[in-house]
């Protein structure tokens, strides 16, 4: 099997399922992510503008190449309704080789990253 590029998950919170799905659809359509998952109904408690806030949000997890993480972050920031959206990533270290190969194949490679 050929060598895989480094792969990552990108974690994003959104105000609700519809916003998360809209952001995720763009990431997949633009091949910045091979797949996204959305979990709705997450409870969040956080500091914002000198106050403790509580909200119900949705979580979006995008699966992508590590080399595309900066582009994913930039794209999410243009699409997201929050002033300061949570967009963080972590590397994938292992997994089903067939799935990881698919993930790499469905995202933009180095040769097509110039947008």
N, C-alpha and C. Protein backbone atom coordinates (compact mmCIF):
# COMPACT_ATOMS: atom_id res chain seq x y z
N UNK A 1 0.84 -1.18 0.00
CA UNK A 1 0.00 0.00 0.00
C UNK A 1 0.89 1.24 0.00
N UNK A 2 0.48 2.25 -0.75
CA UNK A 2 1.26 3.48 -0.82
C UNK A 2 1.17 4.25 0.50
N UNK A 3 2.15 5.10 0.70
CA UNK A 3 2.21 5.89 1.93
C UNK A 3 1.08 6.92 1.96
N UNK A 4 0.46 7.04 3.11
CA UNK A 4 -0.64 7.99 3.27
C UNK A 4 -0.10 9.34 3.73
N UNK A 5 -0.78 10.43 3.33
CA UNK A 5 -0.43 11.73 3.90
C UNK A 5 -0.88 11.78 5.36
N UNK A 6 -0.35 12.72 6.11
CA UNK A 6 -0.81 12.92 7.48
C UNK A 6 -2.28 13.34 7.44
N UNK A 7 -3.07 12.81 8.37
CA UNK A 7 -4.52 13.05 8.40
C UNK A 7 -4.91 13.63 9.75
N UNK A 8 -5.99 14.41 9.77
CA UNK A 8 -6.45 15.07 10.99
C UNK A 8 -7.96 15.12 11.06
N UNK A 9 -8.46 15.29 12.28
CA UNK A 9 -9.85 15.65 12.53
C UNK A 9 -9.86 17.14 12.86
N UNK A 10 -10.89 17.84 12.41
CA UNK A 10 -11.09 19.24 12.77
C UNK A 10 -12.43 19.33 13.50
N UNK A 11 -12.38 19.88 14.71
CA UNK A 11 -13.53 20.00 15.59
C UNK A 11 -14.04 21.44 15.52
N UNK A 12 -15.33 21.60 15.25
CA UNK A 12 -15.95 22.92 15.11
C UNK A 12 -17.25 22.91 15.89
N UNK A 13 -17.52 23.98 16.64
CA UNK A 13 -18.84 24.13 17.24
C UNK A 13 -19.64 25.15 16.44
N UNK A 14 -20.95 24.98 16.42
CA UNK A 14 -21.84 25.87 15.67
C UNK A 14 -23.12 26.07 16.48
N UNK A 15 -23.88 27.12 16.15
CA UNK A 15 -25.09 27.40 16.93
C UNK A 15 -26.15 26.30 16.85
N UNK A 16 -26.14 25.52 15.79
CA UNK A 16 -27.14 24.46 15.64
C UNK A 16 -26.79 23.53 14.49
N UNK A 17 -27.60 22.50 14.35
CA UNK A 17 -27.39 21.47 13.33
C UNK A 17 -27.38 22.05 11.92
N UNK A 18 -28.32 22.93 11.61
CA UNK A 18 -28.40 23.46 10.25
C UNK A 18 -27.15 24.24 9.86
N UNK A 19 -26.63 25.07 10.78
CA UNK A 19 -25.41 25.83 10.50
C UNK A 19 -24.22 24.89 10.33
N UNK A 20 -24.12 23.88 11.20
CA UNK A 20 -23.02 22.93 11.11
C UNK A 20 -23.07 22.15 9.80
N UNK A 21 -24.26 21.71 9.41
CA UNK A 21 -24.39 20.98 8.14
C UNK A 21 -24.05 21.87 6.95
N UNK A 22 -24.45 23.14 6.98
CA UNK A 22 -24.15 24.06 5.88
C UNK A 22 -22.64 24.25 5.74
N UNK A 23 -21.96 24.46 6.86
CA UNK A 23 -20.50 24.61 6.84
C UNK A 23 -19.86 23.31 6.35
N UNK A 24 -20.29 22.19 6.88
CA UNK A 24 -19.73 20.90 6.50
C UNK A 24 -19.92 20.57 5.04
N UNK A 25 -21.08 20.90 4.51
CA UNK A 25 -21.36 20.62 3.09
C UNK A 25 -20.36 21.36 2.21
N UNK A 26 -20.07 22.62 2.53
CA UNK A 26 -19.10 23.39 1.75
C UNK A 26 -17.71 22.74 1.83
N UNK A 27 -17.31 22.32 3.03
CA UNK A 27 -16.00 21.69 3.18
C UNK A 27 -15.89 20.43 2.33
N UNK A 28 -16.95 19.63 2.28
CA UNK A 28 -16.94 18.41 1.48
C UNK A 28 -17.00 18.75 -0.01
N UNK A 29 -17.87 19.68 -0.39
CA UNK A 29 -17.97 20.07 -1.81
C UNK A 29 -16.65 20.60 -2.35
N UNK A 30 -15.93 21.36 -1.53
CA UNK A 30 -14.64 21.93 -1.94
C UNK A 30 -13.47 20.97 -1.72
N UNK A 31 -13.77 19.75 -1.30
CA UNK A 31 -12.79 18.69 -1.05
C UNK A 31 -11.74 19.09 -0.01
N UNK A 32 -12.15 19.99 0.88
CA UNK A 32 -11.31 20.30 2.04
C UNK A 32 -11.48 19.24 3.11
N UNK A 33 -12.58 18.50 3.05
CA UNK A 33 -12.84 17.38 3.96
C UNK A 33 -13.44 16.24 3.14
N UNK A 34 -13.09 15.02 3.52
CA UNK A 34 -13.67 13.85 2.86
C UNK A 34 -15.06 13.57 3.39
N UNK A 35 -15.26 13.90 4.66
CA UNK A 35 -16.50 13.56 5.36
C UNK A 35 -16.64 14.48 6.56
N UNK A 36 -17.86 14.75 6.94
CA UNK A 36 -18.11 15.47 8.19
C UNK A 36 -19.17 14.72 8.98
N UNK A 37 -19.12 14.87 10.29
CA UNK A 37 -20.16 14.36 11.17
C UNK A 37 -20.69 15.53 11.97
N UNK A 38 -21.99 15.53 12.23
CA UNK A 38 -22.61 16.58 13.04
C UNK A 38 -23.36 15.92 14.18
N UNK A 39 -23.07 16.40 15.38
CA UNK A 39 -23.76 15.97 16.59
C UNK A 39 -24.49 17.17 17.13
N UNK A 40 -25.81 17.07 17.26
CA UNK A 40 -26.56 18.22 17.78
C UNK A 40 -26.88 18.02 19.26
N UNK A 41 -27.19 19.14 19.91
CA UNK A 41 -27.63 19.07 21.29
C UNK A 41 -26.53 19.08 22.33
N UNK A 42 -25.33 19.54 21.97
CA UNK A 42 -24.25 19.64 22.94
C UNK A 42 -24.48 20.85 23.84
N UNK A 43 -24.27 20.68 25.13
CA UNK A 43 -24.38 21.80 26.07
C UNK A 43 -23.00 22.40 26.29
N UNK A 44 -22.92 23.73 26.22
CA UNK A 44 -21.66 24.43 26.41
C UNK A 44 -21.80 25.47 27.51
N UNK A 45 -20.76 25.59 28.32
CA UNK A 45 -20.65 26.64 29.33
C UNK A 45 -19.29 27.29 29.11
N UNK A 46 -19.26 28.63 28.97
CA UNK A 46 -18.02 29.29 28.60
C UNK A 46 -18.03 30.76 29.03
N UNK A 47 -16.82 31.32 29.13
CA UNK A 47 -16.67 32.76 29.37
C UNK A 47 -16.80 33.49 28.04
N UNK A 48 -17.58 34.56 27.99
CA UNK A 48 -17.65 35.39 26.79
C UNK A 48 -18.00 36.81 27.23
N UNK A 49 -17.16 37.75 26.89
CA UNK A 49 -17.36 39.16 27.19
C UNK A 49 -17.68 39.38 28.67
N UNK A 50 -16.81 38.85 29.53
CA UNK A 50 -16.88 39.02 30.98
C UNK A 50 -18.11 38.41 31.64
N UNK A 51 -18.69 37.42 31.01
CA UNK A 51 -19.85 36.75 31.60
C UNK A 51 -19.74 35.25 31.35
N UNK A 52 -20.37 34.48 32.21
CA UNK A 52 -20.49 33.04 32.00
C UNK A 52 -21.73 32.82 31.15
N UNK A 53 -21.55 32.17 30.02
CA UNK A 53 -22.64 31.88 29.09
C UNK A 53 -22.93 30.39 29.09
N UNK A 54 -24.15 30.06 28.74
CA UNK A 54 -24.54 28.67 28.57
C UNK A 54 -25.36 28.59 27.29
N UNK A 55 -25.06 27.58 26.46
CA UNK A 55 -25.76 27.47 25.18
C UNK A 55 -25.85 26.01 24.76
N UNK A 56 -26.79 25.74 23.87
CA UNK A 56 -26.87 24.45 23.20
C UNK A 56 -26.29 24.67 21.81
N UNK A 57 -25.35 23.82 21.44
CA UNK A 57 -24.68 23.95 20.15
C UNK A 57 -24.66 22.60 19.44
N UNK A 58 -24.14 22.62 18.23
CA UNK A 58 -23.87 21.40 17.47
C UNK A 58 -22.37 21.30 17.28
N UNK A 59 -21.87 20.08 17.19
CA UNK A 59 -20.46 19.83 16.94
C UNK A 59 -20.32 19.27 15.53
N UNK A 60 -19.38 19.81 14.79
CA UNK A 60 -19.03 19.32 13.47
C UNK A 60 -17.62 18.76 13.56
N UNK A 61 -17.41 17.55 13.08
CA UNK A 61 -16.07 16.98 12.99
C UNK A 61 -15.80 16.70 11.51
N UNK A 62 -14.75 17.35 11.01
CA UNK A 62 -14.35 17.19 9.61
C UNK A 62 -13.11 16.30 9.56
N UNK A 63 -13.07 15.40 8.60
CA UNK A 63 -11.94 14.49 8.42
C UNK A 63 -11.18 14.94 7.18
N UNK A 64 -9.87 15.22 7.35
CA UNK A 64 -9.12 15.83 6.27
C UNK A 64 -7.64 15.50 6.34
N UNK A 65 -6.91 15.97 5.36
CA UNK A 65 -5.45 15.90 5.37
C UNK A 65 -4.93 16.99 6.32
N UNK A 66 -3.89 16.69 7.04
CA UNK A 66 -3.29 17.67 7.93
C UNK A 66 -2.83 18.90 7.16
N UNK A 67 -2.34 18.71 5.95
CA UNK A 67 -1.89 19.84 5.13
C UNK A 67 -3.03 20.80 4.77
N UNK A 68 -4.28 20.33 4.86
CA UNK A 68 -5.43 21.17 4.53
C UNK A 68 -6.03 21.86 5.75
N UNK A 69 -5.56 21.54 6.96
CA UNK A 69 -6.15 22.12 8.16
C UNK A 69 -6.16 23.66 8.12
N UNK A 70 -5.08 24.34 7.73
CA UNK A 70 -5.15 25.80 7.67
C UNK A 70 -6.24 26.31 6.72
N UNK A 71 -6.42 25.63 5.59
CA UNK A 71 -7.47 26.03 4.65
C UNK A 71 -8.85 25.75 5.22
N UNK A 72 -9.00 24.65 5.94
CA UNK A 72 -10.29 24.34 6.59
C UNK A 72 -10.61 25.42 7.62
N UNK A 73 -9.64 25.78 8.45
CA UNK A 73 -9.86 26.82 9.47
C UNK A 73 -10.27 28.13 8.80
N UNK A 74 -9.55 28.53 7.78
CA UNK A 74 -9.86 29.79 7.08
C UNK A 74 -11.26 29.74 6.48
N UNK A 75 -11.62 28.62 5.86
CA UNK A 75 -12.94 28.51 5.22
C UNK A 75 -14.06 28.53 6.26
N UNK A 76 -13.87 27.80 7.35
CA UNK A 76 -14.89 27.80 8.41
C UNK A 76 -15.09 29.22 8.93
N UNK A 77 -14.02 29.95 9.13
CA UNK A 77 -14.15 31.33 9.64
C UNK A 77 -14.95 32.22 8.70
N UNK A 78 -14.87 31.99 7.38
CA UNK A 78 -15.64 32.80 6.43
C UNK A 78 -17.12 32.41 6.42
N UNK A 79 -17.41 31.17 6.77
CA UNK A 79 -18.79 30.66 6.71
C UNK A 79 -19.53 30.74 8.04
N UNK A 80 -18.81 30.87 9.13
CA UNK A 80 -19.36 30.72 10.47
C UNK A 80 -20.03 31.99 10.97
N UNK A 81 -21.17 31.87 11.67
CA UNK A 81 -21.84 33.07 12.20
C UNK A 81 -21.19 33.63 13.47
N UNK A 82 -20.36 32.86 14.17
CA UNK A 82 -19.73 33.35 15.40
C UNK A 82 -18.59 34.31 15.09
N UNK A 83 -18.38 35.27 15.98
CA UNK A 83 -17.25 36.19 15.88
C UNK A 83 -15.94 35.45 16.07
N UNK A 84 -15.92 34.49 16.99
CA UNK A 84 -14.70 33.75 17.32
C UNK A 84 -15.05 32.26 17.40
N UNK A 85 -15.21 31.59 16.24
CA UNK A 85 -15.64 30.19 16.28
C UNK A 85 -14.54 29.27 16.81
N UNK A 86 -14.97 28.22 17.48
CA UNK A 86 -14.06 27.16 17.90
C UNK A 86 -13.76 26.30 16.69
N UNK A 87 -12.50 26.31 16.26
CA UNK A 87 -12.04 25.46 15.16
C UNK A 87 -10.66 24.97 15.58
N UNK A 88 -10.58 23.71 15.98
CA UNK A 88 -9.31 23.14 16.43
C UNK A 88 -9.13 21.77 15.77
N UNK A 89 -7.89 21.31 15.74
CA UNK A 89 -7.65 20.01 15.09
C UNK A 89 -6.75 19.14 15.94
N UNK A 90 -6.79 17.86 15.62
CA UNK A 90 -5.85 16.91 16.22
C UNK A 90 -5.52 15.86 15.18
N UNK A 91 -4.29 15.33 15.23
CA UNK A 91 -3.86 14.36 14.23
C UNK A 91 -4.45 12.97 14.47
N UNK A 92 -4.65 12.26 13.39
CA UNK A 92 -5.04 10.85 13.45
C UNK A 92 -3.76 10.03 13.44
N UNK A 93 -3.64 9.11 14.37
CA UNK A 93 -2.43 8.31 14.45
C UNK A 93 -2.58 6.92 13.85
N UNK A 94 -3.80 6.41 13.82
CA UNK A 94 -3.98 5.05 13.34
C UNK A 94 -5.45 4.85 13.01
N UNK A 95 -5.76 3.79 12.29
CA UNK A 95 -7.14 3.50 11.96
C UNK A 95 -7.23 2.43 10.90
N UNK A 96 -8.44 2.18 10.45
CA UNK A 96 -8.68 1.22 9.38
C UNK A 96 -7.94 1.70 8.13
N UNK A 97 -6.96 0.96 7.65
CA UNK A 97 -6.17 1.41 6.49
C UNK A 97 -7.03 1.72 5.26
N UNK A 98 -8.07 0.93 5.03
CA UNK A 98 -8.94 1.17 3.88
C UNK A 98 -9.67 2.51 4.02
N UNK A 99 -10.15 2.80 5.23
CA UNK A 99 -10.84 4.07 5.47
C UNK A 99 -9.87 5.24 5.32
N UNK A 100 -8.69 5.12 5.89
CA UNK A 100 -7.72 6.20 5.81
C UNK A 100 -7.30 6.47 4.37
N UNK A 101 -7.18 5.41 3.58
CA UNK A 101 -6.86 5.56 2.15
C UNK A 101 -7.98 6.31 1.45
N UNK A 102 -9.23 5.96 1.75
CA UNK A 102 -10.38 6.66 1.17
C UNK A 102 -10.36 8.13 1.55
N UNK A 103 -10.12 8.41 2.84
CA UNK A 103 -10.09 9.80 3.32
C UNK A 103 -9.05 10.60 2.54
N UNK A 104 -7.86 10.07 2.36
CA UNK A 104 -6.81 10.76 1.61
C UNK A 104 -7.22 10.97 0.16
N UNK A 105 -7.85 9.96 -0.44
CA UNK A 105 -8.23 10.05 -1.85
C UNK A 105 -9.33 11.07 -2.10
N UNK A 106 -10.18 11.31 -1.11
CA UNK A 106 -11.34 12.20 -1.30
C UNK A 106 -11.06 13.65 -0.92
N UNK A 107 -9.84 13.96 -0.52
CA UNK A 107 -9.47 15.34 -0.21
C UNK A 107 -8.43 15.80 -1.20
N UNK A 108 -8.31 17.12 -1.30
CA UNK A 108 -7.35 17.69 -2.25
C UNK A 108 -5.92 17.32 -1.87
N UNK A 109 -5.15 16.89 -2.87
CA UNK A 109 -3.74 16.63 -2.65
C UNK A 109 -2.92 17.89 -2.82
N UNK A 110 -1.64 17.78 -2.58
CA UNK A 110 -0.73 18.92 -2.69
C UNK A 110 -0.81 19.55 -4.07
N UNK A 111 -0.95 18.72 -5.10
CA UNK A 111 -0.94 19.23 -6.48
C UNK A 111 -2.13 20.12 -6.81
N UNK A 112 -3.24 19.99 -6.05
CA UNK A 112 -4.44 20.76 -6.37
C UNK A 112 -4.80 21.76 -5.27
N UNK A 113 -3.88 22.04 -4.36
CA UNK A 113 -4.18 22.93 -3.23
C UNK A 113 -4.22 24.40 -3.60
N UNK A 114 -3.68 24.77 -4.75
CA UNK A 114 -3.68 26.18 -5.13
C UNK A 114 -5.09 26.57 -5.56
N UNK A 115 -5.77 27.35 -4.74
CA UNK A 115 -7.16 27.73 -5.02
C UNK A 115 -7.20 29.11 -5.62
